[in-house]
Amino acid sequence: MNSWVNLDALWRIVVVGLLAGAGLPALFAVGLRALNPPARTVEPAGAAAAAGRPTAGPVGYAVAGLCFAVVLAAIGWGIFVIVNHR
């Protein structure tokens, strides 16, 4: 073990940084994708305007709500930790 580098603290910082730095935006993107599902069928060019866009069903709304709730909870926890730092 190196006396200059605390490897235990280093790996914890890397893991939390990856989760918060890449995980939360990815989770937010999953929530957005759940609200806007892809079209299921191929329609002729004239029928696409008349048919409208597909909407998210109840499962899509539930998944999006869960994703957004986790992101908001992480933001709230981060603010709490910063404000109550002693």
PDB file of N, CA and C in Angstrom:
ATOM      1  N   MET A   1       0.836  -1.171   0.000  1.00  0.00           N
ATOM      2  CA  MET A   1       0.000   0.000   0.000  1.00  0.00           C
ATOM      3  C   MET A   1       0.885   1.239   0.000  1.00  0.00           C
ATOM      4  N   ASN A   2       0.446   2.202  -0.773  1.00  0.00           N
ATOM      5  CA  ASN A   2       1.176   3.449  -0.890  1.00  0.00           C
ATOM      6  C   ASN A   2       0.727   4.401   0.207  1.00  0.00           C
ATOM      7  N   SER A   3       1.671   5.059   0.867  1.00  0.00           N
ATOM      8  CA  SER A   3       1.308   5.988   1.935  1.00  0.00           C
ATOM      9  C   SER A   3       0.792   7.313   1.387  1.00  0.00           C
ATOM     10  N   TRP A   4       0.973   7.564   0.100  1.00  0.00           N
ATOM     11  CA  TRP A   4       0.520   8.819  -0.503  1.00  0.00           C
ATOM     12  C   TRP A   4      -0.918   8.733  -1.001  1.00  0.00           C
ATOM     13  N   VAL A   5      -1.356   7.542  -1.365  1.00  0.00           N
ATOM     14  CA  VAL A   5      -2.678   7.376  -1.963  1.00  0.00           C
ATOM     15  C   VAL A   5      -3.495   6.415  -1.112  1.00  0.00           C
ATOM     16  N   ASN A   6      -4.661   6.862  -0.704  1.00  0.00           N
ATOM     17  CA  ASN A   6      -5.579   6.008   0.026  1.00  0.00           C
ATOM     18  C   ASN A   6      -6.473   5.322  -1.004  1.00  0.00           C
ATOM     19  N   LEU A   7      -6.166   4.065  -1.319  1.00  0.00           N
ATOM     20  CA  LEU A   7      -6.885   3.355  -2.372  1.00  0.00           C
ATOM     21  C   LEU A   7      -8.338   3.080  -2.012  1.00  0.00           C
ATOM     22  N   ASP A   8      -8.632   2.882  -0.739  1.00  0.00           N
ATOM     23  CA  ASP A   8     -10.006   2.653  -0.314  1.00  0.00           C
ATOM     24  C   ASP A   8     -10.868   3.879  -0.618  1.00  0.00           C
ATOM     25  N   ALA A   9     -10.382   5.046  -0.287  1.00  0.00           N
ATOM     26  CA  ALA A   9     -11.127   6.279  -0.578  1.00  0.00           C
ATOM     27  C   ALA A   9     -11.193   6.538  -2.071  1.00  0.00           C
ATOM     28  N   LEU A  10     -10.151   6.188  -2.796  1.00  0.00           N
ATOM     29  CA  LEU A  10     -10.106   6.440  -4.231  1.00  0.00           C
ATOM     30  C   LEU A  10     -11.163   5.643  -4.979  1.00  0.00           C
ATOM     31  N   TRP A  11     -11.317   4.365  -4.664  1.00  0.00           N
ATOM     32  CA  TRP A  11     -12.315   3.582  -5.386  1.00  0.00           C
ATOM     33  C   TRP A  11     -13.719   4.022  -5.023  1.00  0.00           C
ATOM     34  N   ARG A  12     -13.956   4.474  -3.775  1.00  0.00           N
ATOM     35  CA  ARG A  12     -15.277   4.983  -3.396  1.00  0.00           C
ATOM     36  C   ARG A  12     -15.624   6.251  -4.172  1.00  0.00           C
ATOM     37  N   ILE A  13     -14.648   7.126  -4.335  1.00  0.00           N
ATOM     38  CA  ILE A  13     -14.861   8.358  -5.096  1.00  0.00           C
ATOM     39  C   ILE A  13     -15.168   8.037  -6.550  1.00  0.00           C
ATOM     40  N   VAL A  14     -14.478   7.079  -7.119  1.00  0.00           N
ATOM     41  CA  VAL A  14     -14.710   6.703  -8.519  1.00  0.00           C
ATOM     42  C   VAL A  14     -16.114   6.111  -8.691  1.00  0.00           C
ATOM     43  N   VAL A  15     -16.525   5.248  -7.791  1.00  0.00           N
ATOM     44  CA  VAL A  15     -17.844   4.621  -7.902  1.00  0.00           C
ATOM     45  C   VAL A  15     -18.953   5.655  -7.762  1.00  0.00           C
ATOM     46  N   VAL A  16     -18.866   6.519  -6.773  1.00  0.00           N
ATOM     47  CA  VAL A  16     -19.896   7.544  -6.580  1.00  0.00           C
ATOM     48  C   VAL A  16     -19.887   8.525  -7.746  1.00  0.00           C
ATOM     49  N   GLY A  17     -18.726   8.862  -8.249  1.00  0.00           N
ATOM     50  CA  GLY A  17     -18.645   9.753  -9.397  1.00  0.00           C
ATOM     51  C   GLY A  17     -19.278   9.158 -10.642  1.00  0.00           C
ATOM     52  N   LEU A  18     -19.074   7.870 -10.860  1.00  0.00           N
ATOM     53  CA  LEU A  18     -19.696   7.219 -12.019  1.00  0.00           C
ATOM     54  C   LEU A  18     -21.206   7.133 -11.864  1.00  0.00           C
ATOM     55  N   LEU A  19     -21.675   6.809 -10.666  1.00  0.00           N
ATOM     56  CA  LEU A  19     -23.115   6.711 -10.448  1.00  0.00           C
ATOM     57  C   LEU A  19     -23.793   8.070 -10.587  1.00  0.00           C
ATOM     58  N   ALA A  20     -23.233   9.078  -9.972  1.00  0.00           N
ATOM     59  CA  ALA A  20     -23.851  10.403 -10.007  1.00  0.00           C
ATOM     60  C   ALA A  20     -23.560  11.120 -11.319  1.00  0.00           C
ATOM     61  N   GLY A  21     -22.378  10.925 -11.866  1.00  0.00           N
ATOM     62  CA  GLY A  21     -21.998  11.653 -13.070  1.00  0.00           C
ATOM     63  C   GLY A  21     -22.557  11.068 -14.340  1.00  0.00           C
ATOM     64  N   ALA A  22     -22.703   9.768 -14.413  1.00  0.00           N
ATOM     65  CA  ALA A  22     -23.232   9.141 -15.623  1.00  0.00           C
ATOM     66  C   ALA A  22     -24.562   8.441 -15.361  1.00  0.00           C
ATOM     67  N   GLY A  23     -24.746   7.950 -14.162  1.00  0.00           N
ATOM     68  CA  GLY A  23     -25.952   7.184 -13.852  1.00  0.00           C
ATOM     69  C   GLY A  23     -27.212   8.019 -13.793  1.00  0.00           C
ATOM     70  N   LEU A  24     -27.154   9.173 -13.146  1.00  0.00           N
ATOM     71  CA  LEU A  24     -28.351  10.004 -13.033  1.00  0.00           C
ATOM     72  C   LEU A  24     -28.795  10.579 -14.375  1.00  0.00           C
ATOM     73  N   PRO A  25     -27.902  11.117 -15.196  1.00  0.00           N
ATOM     74  CA  PRO A  25     -28.362  11.552 -16.521  1.00  0.00           C
ATOM     75  C   PRO A  25     -28.893  10.395 -17.380  1.00  0.00           C
ATOM     76  N   ALA A  26     -28.300   9.222 -17.256  1.00  0.00           N
ATOM     77  CA  ALA A  26     -28.798   8.070 -18.008  1.00  0.00           C
ATOM     78  C   ALA A  26     -30.190   7.671 -17.517  1.00  0.00           C
ATOM     79  N   LEU A  27     -30.411   7.731 -16.217  1.00  0.00           N
ATOM     80  CA  LEU A  27     -31.719   7.413 -15.656  1.00  0.00           C
ATOM     81  C   LEU A  27     -32.768   8.440 -16.105  1.00  0.00           C
ATOM     82  N   PHE A  28     -32.376   9.698 -16.163  1.00  0.00           N
ATOM     83  CA  PHE A  28     -33.262  10.741 -16.661  1.00  0.00           C
ATOM     84  C   PHE A  28     -33.617  10.478 -18.128  1.00  0.00           C
ATOM     85  N   ALA A  29     -32.645  10.055 -18.917  1.00  0.00           N
ATOM     86  CA  ALA A  29     -32.901   9.741 -20.321  1.00  0.00           C
ATOM     87  C   ALA A  29     -33.847   8.549 -20.464  1.00  0.00           C
ATOM     88  N   VAL A  30     -33.728   7.564 -19.599  1.00  0.00           N
ATOM     89  CA  VAL A  30     -34.647   6.425 -19.626  1.00  0.00           C
ATOM     90  C   VAL A  30     -36.071   6.898 -19.321  1.00  0.00           C
ATOM     91  N   GLY A  31     -36.206   7.824 -18.369  1.00  0.00           N
ATOM     92  CA  GLY A  31     -37.525   8.371 -18.062  1.00  0.00           C
ATOM     93  C   GLY A  31     -38.120   9.120 -19.238  1.00  0.00           C
ATOM     94  N   LEU A  32     -37.307   9.909 -19.925  1.00  0.00           N
ATOM     95  CA  LEU A  32     -37.801  10.619 -21.101  1.00  0.00           C
ATOM     96  C   LEU A  32     -38.196   9.647 -22.211  1.00  0.00           C
ATOM     97  N   ARG A  33     -37.417   8.611 -22.380  1.00  0.00           N
ATOM     98  CA  ARG A  33     -37.719   7.618 -23.414  1.00  0.00           C
ATOM     99  C   ARG A  33     -39.012   6.864 -23.088  1.00  0.00           C
ATOM    100  N   ALA A  34     -39.275   6.643 -21.802  1.00  0.00           N
ATOM    101  CA  ALA A  34     -40.510   5.958 -21.413  1.00  0.00           C
ATOM    102  C   ALA A  34     -41.732   6.821 -21.712  1.00  0.00           C
ATOM    103  N   LEU A  35     -41.573   8.138 -21.703  1.00  0.00           N
ATOM    104  CA  LEU A  35     -42.693   9.027 -22.026  1.00  0.00           C
ATOM    105  C   LEU A  35     -42.953   9.125 -23.524  1.00  0.00           C
ATOM    106  N   ASN A  36     -41.969   8.810 -24.356  1.00  0.00           N
ATOM    107  CA  ASN A  36     -42.096   8.931 -25.797  1.00  0.00           C
ATOM    108  C   ASN A  36     -41.708   7.611 -26.453  1.00  0.00           C
ATOM    109  N   PRO A  37     -42.614   6.645 -26.473  1.00  0.00           N
ATOM    110  CA  PRO A  37     -42.257   5.336 -27.049  1.00  0.00           C
ATOM    111  C   PRO A  37     -42.115   5.424 -28.559  1.00  0.00           C
ATOM    112  N   PRO A  38     -41.354   4.523 -29.154  1.00  0.00           N
ATOM    113  CA  PRO A  38     -41.215   4.513 -30.610  1.00  0.00           C
ATOM    114  C   PRO A  38     -42.511   4.034 -31.269  1.00  0.00           C
ATOM    115  N   ALA A  39     -42.688   4.413 -32.512  1.00  0.00           N
ATOM    116  CA  ALA A  39     -43.856   3.955 -33.262  1.00  0.00           C
ATOM    117  C   ALA A  39     -43.747   2.456 -33.498  1.00  0.00           C
ATOM    118  N   ARG A  40     -44.853   1.765 -33.408  1.00  0.00           N
ATOM    119  CA  ARG A  40     -44.831   0.311 -33.526  1.00  0.00           C
ATOM    120  C   ARG A  40     -45.024  -0.169 -34.968  1.00  0.00           C
ATOM    121  N   THR A  41     -45.676   0.602 -35.800  1.00  0.00           N
ATOM    122  CA  THR A  41     -45.943   0.155 -37.166  1.00  0.00           C
ATOM    123  C   THR A  41     -45.388   1.164 -38.162  1.00  0.00           C
ATOM    124  N   VAL A  42     -45.173   0.690 -39.371  1.00  0.00           N
ATOM    125  CA  VAL A  42     -44.740   1.559 -40.459  1.00  0.00           C
ATOM    126  C   VAL A  42     -45.985   1.966 -41.230  1.00  0.00           C
ATOM    127  N   GLU A  43     -46.210   3.282 -41.338  1.00  0.00           N
ATOM    128  CA  GLU A  43     -47.400   3.784 -42.009  1.00  0.00           C
ATOM    129  C   GLU A  43     -47.004   4.514 -43.278  1.00  0.00           C
ATOM    130  N   PRO A  44     -47.914   4.613 -44.238  1.00  0.00           N
ATOM    131  CA  PRO A  44     -47.631   5.418 -45.430  1.00  0.00           C
ATOM    132  C   PRO A  44     -47.425   6.882 -45.055  1.00  0.00           C
ATOM    133  N   ALA A  45     -46.787   7.629 -45.938  1.00  0.00           N
ATOM    134  CA  ALA A  45     -46.425   9.011 -45.635  1.00  0.00           C
ATOM    135  C   ALA A  45     -47.635   9.871 -45.316  1.00  0.00           C
ATOM    136  N   GLY A  46     -48.743   9.696 -45.986  1.00  0.00           N
ATOM    137  CA  GLY A  46     -49.928  10.514 -45.737  1.00  0.00           C
ATOM    138  C   GLY A  46     -50.654  10.131 -44.464  1.00  0.00           C
ATOM    139  N   ALA A  47     -50.562   8.890 -44.047  1.00  0.00           N
ATOM    140  CA  ALA A  47     -51.292   8.432 -42.871  1.00  0.00           C
ATOM    141  C   ALA A  47     -50.611   8.817 -41.572  1.00  0.00           C
ATOM    142  N   ALA A  48     -49.329   9.145 -41.613  1.00  0.00           N
ATOM    143  CA  ALA A  48     -48.607   9.457 -40.376  1.00  0.00           C
ATOM    144  C   ALA A  48     -49.145  10.723 -39.729  1.00  0.00           C
ATOM    145  N   ALA A  49     -49.493  11.719 -40.528  1.00  0.00           N
ATOM    146  CA  ALA A  49     -50.003  12.961 -39.966  1.00  0.00           C
ATOM    147  C   ALA A  49     -51.397  12.761 -39.383  1.00  0.00           C
ATOM    148  N   ALA A  50     -52.213  11.928 -40.008  1.00  0.00           N
ATOM    149  CA  ALA A  50     -53.573  11.715 -39.529  1.00  0.00           C
ATOM    150  C   ALA A  50     -53.612  10.839 -38.285  1.00  0.00           C
ATOM    151  N   ALA A  51     -52.697   9.883 -38.184  1.00  0.00           N
ATOM    152  CA  ALA A  51     -52.722   8.947 -37.064  1.00  0.00           C
ATOM    153  C   ALA A  51     -52.226   9.579 -35.776  1.00  0.00           C
ATOM    154  N   GLY A  52     -51.336  10.542 -35.842  1.00  0.00           N
ATOM    155  CA  GLY A  52     -50.791  11.154 -34.635  1.00  0.00           C
ATOM    156  C   GLY A  52     -49.632  10.355 -34.079  1.00  0.00           C
ATOM    157  N   ARG A  53     -49.026  10.897 -33.050  1.00  0.00           N
ATOM    158  CA  ARG A  53     -47.883  10.233 -32.416  1.00  0.00           C
ATOM    159  C   ARG A  53     -48.355   9.245 -31.371  1.00  0.00           C
ATOM    160  N   PRO A  54     -47.615   8.158 -31.174  1.00  0.00           N
ATOM    161  CA  PRO A  54     -47.989   7.237 -30.099  1.00  0.00           C
ATOM    162  C   PRO A  54     -47.731   7.884 -28.738  1.00  0.00           C
ATOM    163  N   THR A  55     -48.577   7.569 -27.795  1.00  0.00           N
ATOM    164  CA  THR A  55     -48.407   8.108 -26.446  1.00  0.00           C
ATOM    165  C   THR A  55     -48.004   6.992 -25.499  1.00  0.00           C
ATOM    166  N   ALA A  56     -47.421   7.392 -24.393  1.00  0.00           N
ATOM    167  CA  ALA A  56     -46.992   6.414 -23.394  1.00  0.00           C
ATOM    168  C   ALA A  56     -48.214   5.861 -22.673  1.00  0.00           C
ATOM    169  N   GLY A  57     -48.191   4.592 -22.422  1.00  0.00           N
ATOM    170  CA  GLY A  57     -49.271   3.970 -21.678  1.00  0.00           C
ATOM    171  C   GLY A  57     -49.031   4.126 -20.183  1.00  0.00           C
ATOM    172  N   PRO A  58     -49.846   3.480 -19.366  1.00  0.00           N
ATOM    173  CA  PRO A  58     -49.683   3.597 -17.918  1.00  0.00           C
ATOM    174  C   PRO A  58     -48.344   3.059 -17.413  1.00  0.00           C
ATOM    175  N   VAL A  59     -47.826   2.033 -18.066  1.00  0.00           N
ATOM    176  CA  VAL A  59     -46.522   1.495 -17.654  1.00  0.00           C
ATOM    177  C   VAL A  59     -45.420   2.512 -17.961  1.00  0.00           C
ATOM    178  N   GLY A  60     -45.509   3.177 -19.107  1.00  0.00           N
ATOM    179  CA  GLY A  60     -44.523   4.196 -19.464  1.00  0.00           C
ATOM    180  C   GLY A  60     -44.527   5.349 -18.476  1.00  0.00           C
ATOM    181  N   TYR A  61     -45.726   5.779 -18.080  1.00  0.00           N
ATOM    182  CA  TYR A  61     -45.823   6.854 -17.097  1.00  0.00           C
ATOM    183  C   TYR A  61     -45.273   6.425 -15.737  1.00  0.00           C
ATOM    184  N   ALA A  62     -45.514   5.185 -15.359  1.00  0.00           N
ATOM    185  CA  ALA A  62     -45.012   4.686 -14.073  1.00  0.00           C
ATOM    186  C   ALA A  62     -43.487   4.600 -14.086  1.00  0.00           C
ATOM    187  N   VAL A  63     -42.925   4.089 -15.178  1.00  0.00           N
ATOM    188  CA  VAL A  63     -41.459   3.988 -15.282  1.00  0.00           C
ATOM    189  C   VAL A  63     -40.837   5.382 -15.280  1.00  0.00           C
ATOM    190  N   ALA A  64     -41.432   6.302 -16.043  1.00  0.00           N
ATOM    191  CA  ALA A  64     -40.905   7.665 -16.088  1.00  0.00           C
ATOM    192  C   ALA A  64     -41.003   8.327 -14.729  1.00  0.00           C
ATOM    193  N   GLY A  65     -42.120   8.162 -14.050  1.00  0.00           N
ATOM    194  CA  GLY A  65     -42.281   8.745 -12.713  1.00  0.00           C
ATOM    195  C   GLY A  65     -41.266   8.202 -11.726  1.00  0.00           C
ATOM    196  N   LEU A  66     -41.006   6.911 -11.792  1.00  0.00           N
ATOM    197  CA  LEU A  66     -40.020   6.306 -10.900  1.00  0.00           C
ATOM    198  C   LEU A  66     -38.622   6.838 -11.190  1.00  0.00           C
ATOM    199  N   CYS A  67     -38.279   6.925 -12.477  1.00  0.00           N
ATOM    200  CA  CYS A  67     -36.955   7.442 -12.853  1.00  0.00           C
ATOM    201  C   CYS A  67     -36.778   8.889 -12.389  1.00  0.00           C
ATOM    202  N   PHE A  68     -37.793   9.719 -12.635  1.00  0.00           N
ATOM    203  CA  PHE A  68     -37.705  11.118 -12.236  1.00  0.00           C
ATOM    204  C   PHE A  68     -37.679  11.272 -10.719  1.00  0.00           C
ATOM    205  N   ALA A  69     -38.396  10.406  -9.994  1.00  0.00           N
ATOM    206  CA  ALA A  69     -38.386  10.460  -8.536  1.00  0.00           C
ATOM    207  C   ALA A  69     -36.997  10.115  -7.983  1.00  0.00           C
ATOM    208  N   VAL A  70     -36.334   9.138  -8.574  1.00  0.00           N
ATOM    209  CA  VAL A  70     -34.988   8.773  -8.121  1.00  0.00           C
ATOM    210  C   VAL A  70     -34.007   9.915  -8.388  1.00  0.00           C
ATOM    211  N   VAL A  71     -34.123  10.545  -9.553  1.00  0.00           N
ATOM    212  CA  VAL A  71     -33.239  11.668  -9.872  1.00  0.00           C
ATOM    213  C   VAL A  71     -33.488  12.829  -8.909  1.00  0.00           C
ATOM    214  N   LEU A  72     -34.755  13.158  -8.655  1.00  0.00           N
ATOM    215  CA  LEU A  72     -35.064  14.240  -7.718  1.00  0.00           C
ATOM    216  C   LEU A  72     -34.603  13.908  -6.302  1.00  0.00           C
ATOM    217  N   ALA A  73     -34.733  12.655  -5.897  1.00  0.00           N
ATOM    218  CA  ALA A  73     -34.267  12.259  -4.567  1.00  0.00           C
ATOM    219  C   ALA A  73     -32.749  12.405  -4.457  1.00  0.00           C
ATOM    220  N   ALA A  74     -32.024  12.054  -5.513  1.00  0.00           N
ATOM    221  CA  ALA A  74     -30.567  12.202  -5.496  1.00  0.00           C
ATOM    222  C   ALA A  74     -30.169  13.672  -5.428  1.00  0.00           C
ATOM    223  N   ILE A  75     -30.886  14.526  -6.153  1.00  0.00           N
ATOM    224  CA  ILE A  75     -30.606  15.960  -6.095  1.00  0.00           C
ATOM    225  C   ILE A  75     -30.891  16.491  -4.696  1.00  0.00           C
ATOM    226  N   GLY A  76     -32.015  16.099  -4.125  1.00  0.00           N
ATOM    227  CA  GLY A  76     -32.352  16.532  -2.768  1.00  0.00           C
ATOM    228  C   GLY A  76     -31.349  16.054  -1.735  1.00  0.00           C
ATOM    229  N   TRP A  77     -30.902  14.807  -1.873  1.00  0.00           N
ATOM    230  CA  TRP A  77     -29.914  14.276  -0.944  1.00  0.00           C
ATOM    231  C   TRP A  77     -28.596  15.044  -1.064  1.00  0.00           C
ATOM    232  N   GLY A  78     -28.201  15.376  -2.294  1.00  0.00           N
ATOM    233  CA  GLY A  78     -26.977  16.147  -2.496  1.00  0.00           C
ATOM    234  C   GLY A  78     -27.062  17.524  -1.867  1.00  0.00           C
ATOM    235  N   ILE A  79     -28.196  18.180  -2.019  1.00  0.00           N
ATOM    236  CA  ILE A  79     -28.377  19.495  -1.384  1.00  0.00           C
ATOM    237  C   ILE A  79     -28.353  19.358   0.116  1.00  0.00           C
ATOM    238  N   PHE A  80     -29.008  18.325   0.646  1.00  0.00           N
ATOM    239  CA  PHE A  80     -29.005  18.095   2.091  1.00  0.00           C
ATOM    240  C   PHE A  80     -27.590  17.887   2.631  1.00  0.00           C
ATOM    241  N   VAL A  81     -26.793  17.108   1.927  1.00  0.00           N
ATOM    242  CA  VAL A  81     -25.423  16.845   2.380  1.00  0.00           C
ATOM    243  C   VAL A  81     -24.589  18.137   2.350  1.00  0.00           C
ATOM    244  N   ILE A  82     -24.763  18.943   1.320  1.00  0.00           N
ATOM    245  CA  ILE A  82     -23.998  20.183   1.222  1.00  0.00           C
ATOM    246  C   ILE A  82     -24.399  21.161   2.322  1.00  0.00           C
ATOM    247  N   VAL A  83     -25.700  21.297   2.566  1.00  0.00           N
ATOM    248  CA  VAL A  83     -26.173  22.275   3.566  1.00  0.00           C
ATOM    249  C   VAL A  83     -25.785  21.842   4.973  1.00  0.00           C
ATOM    250  N   ASN A  84     -25.847  20.559   5.282  1.00  0.00           N
ATOM    251  CA  ASN A  84     -25.573  20.086   6.638  1.00  0.00           C
ATOM    252  C   ASN A  84     -24.123  19.652   6.845  1.00  0.00           C
ATOM    253  N   HIS A  85     -23.233  20.039   5.957  1.00  0.00           N
ATOM    254  CA  HIS A  85     -21.818  19.694   6.119  1.00  0.00           C
ATOM    255  C   HIS A  85     -21.218  20.495   7.273  1.00  0.00           C
ATOM    256  N   ARG A  86     -20.541  19.808   8.162  1.00  0.00           N
ATOM    257  CA  ARG A  86     -19.927  20.495   9.309  1.00  0.00           C
ATOM    258  C   ARG A  86     -18.438  20.419   9.219  1.00  0.00           C
TER     259      ARG A  86
END
